[in-house]
PDB file of N, CA and C in Angstrom:
ATOM      1  N   MET A   1      73.420  49.234  80.535  1.00  0.00           N
ATOM      2  CA  MET A   1      73.215  48.873  79.153  1.00  0.00           C
ATOM      3  C   MET A   1      74.564  48.517  78.526  1.00  0.00           C
ATOM      4  N   ILE A   2      74.640  47.376  77.912  1.00  0.00           N
ATOM      5  CA  ILE A   2      75.869  46.950  77.251  1.00  0.00           C
ATOM      6  C   ILE A   2      75.820  47.408  75.796  1.00  0.00           C
ATOM      7  N   THR A   3      76.759  48.262  75.436  1.00  0.00           N
ATOM      8  CA  THR A   3      76.815  48.793  74.079  1.00  0.00           C
ATOM      9  C   THR A   3      77.746  47.939  73.220  1.00  0.00           C
ATOM     10  N   ALA A   4      77.777  48.244  71.951  1.00  0.00           N
ATOM     11  CA  ALA A   4      78.693  47.541  71.042  1.00  0.00           C
ATOM     12  C   ALA A   4      80.142  47.755  71.464  1.00  0.00           C
ATOM     13  N   ALA A   5      80.457  48.963  71.951  1.00  0.00           N
ATOM     14  CA  ALA A   5      81.818  49.250  72.410  1.00  0.00           C
ATOM     15  C   ALA A   5      82.181  48.380  73.606  1.00  0.00           C
ATOM     16  N   HIS A   6      81.216  48.168  74.517  1.00  0.00           N
ATOM     17  CA  HIS A   6      81.464  47.297  75.665  1.00  0.00           C
ATOM     18  C   HIS A   6      81.725  45.864  75.210  1.00  0.00           C
ATOM     19  N   LYS A   7      80.960  45.397  74.246  1.00  0.00           N
ATOM     20  CA  LYS A   7      81.144  44.031  73.743  1.00  0.00           C
ATOM     21  C   LYS A   7      82.528  43.860  73.117  1.00  0.00           C
ATOM     22  N   ILE A   8      82.992  44.883  72.407  1.00  0.00           N
ATOM     23  CA  ILE A   8      84.330  44.832  71.808  1.00  0.00           C
ATOM     24  C   ILE A   8      85.382  44.801  72.915  1.00  0.00           C
ATOM     25  N   ALA A   9      85.200  45.652  73.937  1.00  0.00           N
ATOM     26  CA  ALA A   9      86.156  45.688  75.046  1.00  0.00           C
ATOM     27  C   ALA A   9      86.217  44.338  75.746  1.00  0.00           C
ATOM     28  N   ILE A  10      85.066  43.728  75.972  1.00  0.00           N
ATOM     29  CA  ILE A  10      85.014  42.413  76.623  1.00  0.00           C
ATOM     30  C   ILE A  10      85.720  41.372  75.768  1.00  0.00           C
ATOM     31  N   SER A  11      85.504  41.419  74.456  1.00  0.00           N
ATOM     32  CA  SER A  11      86.157  40.435  73.591  1.00  0.00           C
ATOM     33  C   SER A  11      87.681  40.614  73.616  1.00  0.00           C
ATOM     34  N   LYS A  12      88.152  41.868  73.745  1.00  0.00           N
ATOM     35  CA  LYS A  12      89.596  42.112  73.809  1.00  0.00           C
ATOM     36  C   LYS A  12      90.166  41.662  75.148  1.00  0.00           C
ATOM     37  N   ILE A  13      89.381  41.792  76.217  1.00  0.00           N
ATOM     38  CA  ILE A  13      89.831  41.343  77.534  1.00  0.00           C
ATOM     39  C   ILE A  13      89.984  39.827  77.536  1.00  0.00           C
ATOM     40  N   LYS A  14      89.160  39.133  76.797  1.00  0.00           N
ATOM     41  CA  LYS A  14      89.204  37.678  76.764  1.00  0.00           C
ATOM     42  C   LYS A  14      90.377  37.146  75.945  1.00  0.00           C
ATOM     43  N   HIS A  15      91.067  38.033  75.223  1.00  0.00           N
ATOM     44  CA  HIS A  15      92.229  37.620  74.433  1.00  0.00           C
ATOM     45  C   HIS A  15      93.383  37.319  75.374  1.00  0.00           C
ATOM     46  N   TYR A  16      93.976  36.166  75.244  1.00  0.00           N
ATOM     47  CA  TYR A  16      95.079  35.768  76.114  1.00  0.00           C
ATOM     48  C   TYR A  16      96.357  35.600  75.309  1.00  0.00           C
ATOM     49  N   SER A  17      97.455  35.968  75.923  1.00  0.00           N
ATOM     50  CA  SER A  17      98.759  35.737  75.330  1.00  0.00           C
ATOM     51  C   SER A  17      99.079  34.261  75.463  1.00  0.00           C
ATOM     52  N   LEU A  18      99.356  33.596  74.368  1.00  0.00           N
ATOM     53  CA  LEU A  18      99.661  32.174  74.415  1.00  0.00           C
ATOM     54  C   LEU A  18     100.982  31.911  75.115  1.00  0.00           C
ATOM     55  N   ALA A  19     101.927  32.816  74.984  1.00  0.00           N
ATOM     56  CA  ALA A  19     103.246  32.610  75.588  1.00  0.00           C
ATOM     57  C   ALA A  19     103.220  32.800  77.100  1.00  0.00           C
ATOM     58  N   MET A  20     102.472  33.782  77.584  1.00  0.00           N
ATOM     59  CA  MET A  20     102.516  34.115  78.999  1.00  0.00           C
ATOM     60  C   MET A  20     101.270  33.674  79.761  1.00  0.00           C
ATOM     61  N   HIS A  21     100.215  33.296  79.077  1.00  0.00           N
ATOM     62  CA  HIS A  21      98.954  32.882  79.703  1.00  0.00           C
ATOM     63  C   HIS A  21      98.397  33.960  80.622  1.00  0.00           C
ATOM     64  N   LYS A  22      98.534  35.200  80.227  1.00  0.00           N
ATOM     65  CA  LYS A  22      97.995  36.325  80.983  1.00  0.00           C
ATOM     66  C   LYS A  22      97.102  37.146  80.061  1.00  0.00           C
ATOM     67  N   PRO A  23      96.030  37.700  80.613  1.00  0.00           N
ATOM     68  CA  PRO A  23      95.145  38.500  79.764  1.00  0.00           C
ATOM     69  C   PRO A  23      95.847  39.751  79.242  1.00  0.00           C
ATOM     70  N   ILE A  24      95.534  40.105  78.024  1.00  0.00           N
ATOM     71  CA  ILE A  24      96.043  41.335  77.413  1.00  0.00           C
ATOM     72  C   ILE A  24      94.837  42.212  77.098  1.00  0.00           C
ATOM     73  N   VAL A  25      94.870  43.448  77.597  1.00  0.00           N
ATOM     74  CA  VAL A  25      93.781  44.387  77.365  1.00  0.00           C
ATOM     75  C   VAL A  25      94.357  45.599  76.653  1.00  0.00           C
ATOM     76  N   ASP A  26      93.819  45.912  75.504  1.00  0.00           N
ATOM     77  CA  ASP A  26      94.223  47.118  74.798  1.00  0.00           C
ATOM     78  C   ASP A  26      93.622  48.316  75.522  1.00  0.00           C
ATOM     79  N   SER A  27      94.432  49.285  75.895  1.00  0.00           N
ATOM     80  CA  SER A  27      93.933  50.424  76.668  1.00  0.00           C
ATOM     81  C   SER A  27      92.856  51.203  75.919  1.00  0.00           C
ATOM     82  N   ASN A  28      92.896  51.196  74.604  1.00  0.00           N
ATOM     83  CA  ASN A  28      91.853  51.888  73.834  1.00  0.00           C
ATOM     84  C   ASN A  28      90.485  51.279  74.087  1.00  0.00           C
ATOM     85  N   ALA A  29      90.445  49.989  74.398  1.00  0.00           N
ATOM     86  CA  ALA A  29      89.175  49.337  74.706  1.00  0.00           C
ATOM     87  C   ALA A  29      88.606  49.851  76.032  1.00  0.00           C
ATOM     88  N   LEU A  30      89.468  50.269  76.942  1.00  0.00           N
ATOM     89  CA  LEU A  30      89.006  50.787  78.229  1.00  0.00           C
ATOM     90  C   LEU A  30      88.491  52.220  78.133  1.00  0.00           C
ATOM     91  N   PHE A  31      89.085  53.007  77.250  1.00  0.00           N
ATOM     92  CA  PHE A  31      88.787  54.428  77.183  1.00  0.00           C
ATOM     93  C   PHE A  31      87.881  54.793  76.010  1.00  0.00           C
ATOM     94  N   THR A  32      86.884  53.966  75.748  1.00  0.00           N
ATOM     95  CA  THR A  32      85.974  54.230  74.630  1.00  0.00           C
ATOM     96  C   THR A  32      85.035  55.407  74.903  1.00  0.00           C
ATOM     97  N   GLN A  33      84.841  55.755  76.184  1.00  0.00           N
ATOM     98  CA  GLN A  33      83.884  56.818  76.503  1.00  0.00           C
ATOM     99  C   GLN A  33      84.525  57.966  77.268  1.00  0.00           C
ATOM    100  N   GLY A  34      85.826  58.108  77.183  1.00  0.00           N
ATOM    101  CA  GLY A  34      86.509  59.212  77.855  1.00  0.00           C
ATOM    102  C   GLY A  34      87.876  58.795  78.346  1.00  0.00           C
ATOM    103  N   ASP A  35      88.500  59.694  79.112  1.00  0.00           N
ATOM    104  CA  ASP A  35      89.873  59.470  79.566  1.00  0.00           C
ATOM    105  C   ASP A  35      89.965  58.953  81.000  1.00  0.00           C
ATOM    106  N   VAL A  36      88.825  58.588  81.609  1.00  0.00           N
ATOM    107  CA  VAL A  36      88.825  58.072  82.972  1.00  0.00           C
ATOM    108  C   VAL A  36      87.966  56.810  83.031  1.00  0.00           C
ATOM    109  N   VAL A  37      88.502  55.778  83.714  1.00  0.00           N
ATOM    110  CA  VAL A  37      87.778  54.533  83.944  1.00  0.00           C
ATOM    111  C   VAL A  37      87.816  54.263  85.443  1.00  0.00           C
ATOM    112  N   ILE A  38      86.673  53.898  86.011  1.00  0.00           N
ATOM    113  CA  ILE A  38      86.611  53.540  87.424  1.00  0.00           C
ATOM    114  C   ILE A  38      86.728  52.026  87.529  1.00  0.00           C
ATOM    115  N   ILE A  39      87.659  51.572  88.370  1.00  0.00           N
ATOM    116  CA  ILE A  39      87.894  50.149  88.584  1.00  0.00           C
ATOM    117  C   ILE A  39      87.535  49.832  90.026  1.00  0.00           C
ATOM    118  N   CYS A  40      86.653  48.850  90.234  1.00  0.00           N
ATOM    119  CA  CYS A  40      86.301  48.408  91.583  1.00  0.00           C
ATOM    120  C   CYS A  40      87.131  47.171  91.911  1.00  0.00           C
ATOM    121  N   HIS A  41      87.827  47.218  93.049  1.00  0.00           N
ATOM    122  CA  HIS A  41      88.668  46.107  93.484  1.00  0.00           C
ATOM    123  C   HIS A  41      88.504  45.936  94.990  1.00  0.00           C
ATOM    124  N   GLN A  42      87.992  44.799  95.392  1.00  0.00           N
ATOM    125  CA  GLN A  42      87.785  44.468  96.802  1.00  0.00           C
ATOM    126  C   GLN A  42      87.037  45.570  97.548  1.00  0.00           C
ATOM    127  N   GLY A  43      85.974  46.063  96.940  1.00  0.00           N
ATOM    128  CA  GLY A  43      85.127  47.069  97.571  1.00  0.00           C
ATOM    129  C   GLY A  43      85.658  48.490  97.501  1.00  0.00           C
ATOM    130  N   GLN A  44      86.807  48.686  96.900  1.00  0.00           N
ATOM    131  CA  GLN A  44      87.401  50.021  96.767  1.00  0.00           C
ATOM    132  C   GLN A  44      87.317  50.478  95.314  1.00  0.00           C
ATOM    133  N   GLN A  45      87.170  51.774  95.122  1.00  0.00           N
ATOM    134  CA  GLN A  45      87.138  52.330  93.772  1.00  0.00           C
ATOM    135  C   GLN A  45      88.465  52.999  93.457  1.00  0.00           C
ATOM    136  N   TYR A  46      88.969  52.704  92.274  1.00  0.00           N
ATOM    137  CA  TYR A  46      90.207  53.291  91.770  1.00  0.00           C
ATOM    138  C   TYR A  46      89.906  53.984  90.450  1.00  0.00           C
ATOM    139  N   SER A  47      90.628  55.039  90.185  1.00  0.00           N
ATOM    140  CA  SER A  47      90.454  55.782  88.946  1.00  0.00           C
ATOM    141  C   SER A  47      91.687  55.567  88.069  1.00  0.00           C
ATOM    142  N   LEU A  48      91.468  55.072  86.870  1.00  0.00           N
ATOM    143  CA  LEU A  48      92.542  54.930  85.888  1.00  0.00           C
ATOM    144  C   LEU A  48      92.343  56.035  84.858  1.00  0.00           C
ATOM    145  N   ARG A  49      93.335  56.915  84.769  1.00  0.00           N
ATOM    146  CA  ARG A  49      93.206  58.097  83.910  1.00  0.00           C
ATOM    147  C   ARG A  49      94.290  58.086  82.837  1.00  0.00           C
ATOM    148  N   ARG A  50      93.889  58.470  81.625  1.00  0.00           N
ATOM    149  CA  ARG A  50      94.839  58.640  80.521  1.00  0.00           C
ATOM    150  C   ARG A  50      95.145  60.130  80.418  1.00  0.00           C
ATOM    151  N   THR A  51      96.416  60.479  80.473  1.00  0.00           N
ATOM    152  CA  THR A  51      96.822  61.887  80.451  1.00  0.00           C
ATOM    153  C   THR A  51      96.930  62.411  79.022  1.00  0.00           C
ATOM    154  N   LYS A  52      97.141  63.737  78.914  1.00  0.00           N
ATOM    155  CA  LYS A  52      97.341  64.357  77.601  1.00  0.00           C
ATOM    156  C   LYS A  52      98.581  63.815  76.906  1.00  0.00           C
ATOM    157  N   ASN A  53      99.564  63.360  77.703  1.00  0.00           N
ATOM    158  CA  ASN A  53     100.803  62.792  77.149  1.00  0.00           C
ATOM    159  C   ASN A  53     100.681  61.295  76.892  1.00  0.00           C
ATOM    160  N   ASP A  54      99.465  60.773  76.976  1.00  0.00           N
ATOM    161  CA  ASP A  54      99.155  59.367  76.719  1.00  0.00           C
ATOM    162  C   ASP A  54      99.809  58.423  77.734  1.00  0.00           C
ATOM    163  N   LYS A  55      99.922  58.876  78.979  1.00  0.00           N
ATOM    164  CA  LYS A  55     100.398  58.049  80.081  1.00  0.00           C
ATOM    165  C   LYS A  55      99.187  57.608  80.888  1.00  0.00           C
ATOM    166  N   LEU A  56      99.353  56.547  81.696  1.00  0.00           N
ATOM    167  CA  LEU A  56      98.272  56.073  82.558  1.00  0.00           C
ATOM    168  C   LEU A  56      98.599  56.341  84.011  1.00  0.00           C
ATOM    169  N   ILE A  57      97.585  56.824  84.759  1.00  0.00           N
ATOM    170  CA  ILE A  57      97.749  57.088  86.186  1.00  0.00           C
ATOM    171  C   ILE A  57      96.617  56.390  86.918  1.00  0.00           C
ATOM    172  N   LEU A  58      96.966  55.565  87.898  1.00  0.00           N
ATOM    173  CA  LEU A  58      95.985  54.866  88.723  1.00  0.00           C
ATOM    174  C   LEU A  58      96.006  55.496  90.109  1.00  0.00           C
ATOM    175  N   THR A  59      94.832  55.963  90.571  1.00  0.00           N
ATOM    176  CA  THR A  59      94.731  56.580  91.897  1.00  0.00           C
ATOM    177  C   THR A  59      93.557  55.970  92.643  1.00  0.00           C
ATOM    178  N   LYS A  60      93.652  56.042  93.967  1.00  0.00           N
ATOM    179  CA  LYS A  60      92.581  55.524  94.826  1.00  0.00           C
ATOM    180  C   LYS A  60      91.636  56.637  95.155  1.00  0.00           C
TER     181      LYS A  60
END
């Protein structure tokens, strides 16, 4: 189910930097439902976690 929060996150992902032509994603858009996001890349799952100190950790 795509929620309003998902639609906002998608719209932020579609925002591109005009100077660098690379997508910019606000991390708050990723963590709308908690401090962990699962990312699937080439059949593998990775966990992106936001720590109490507001750092990001990516693990396989």
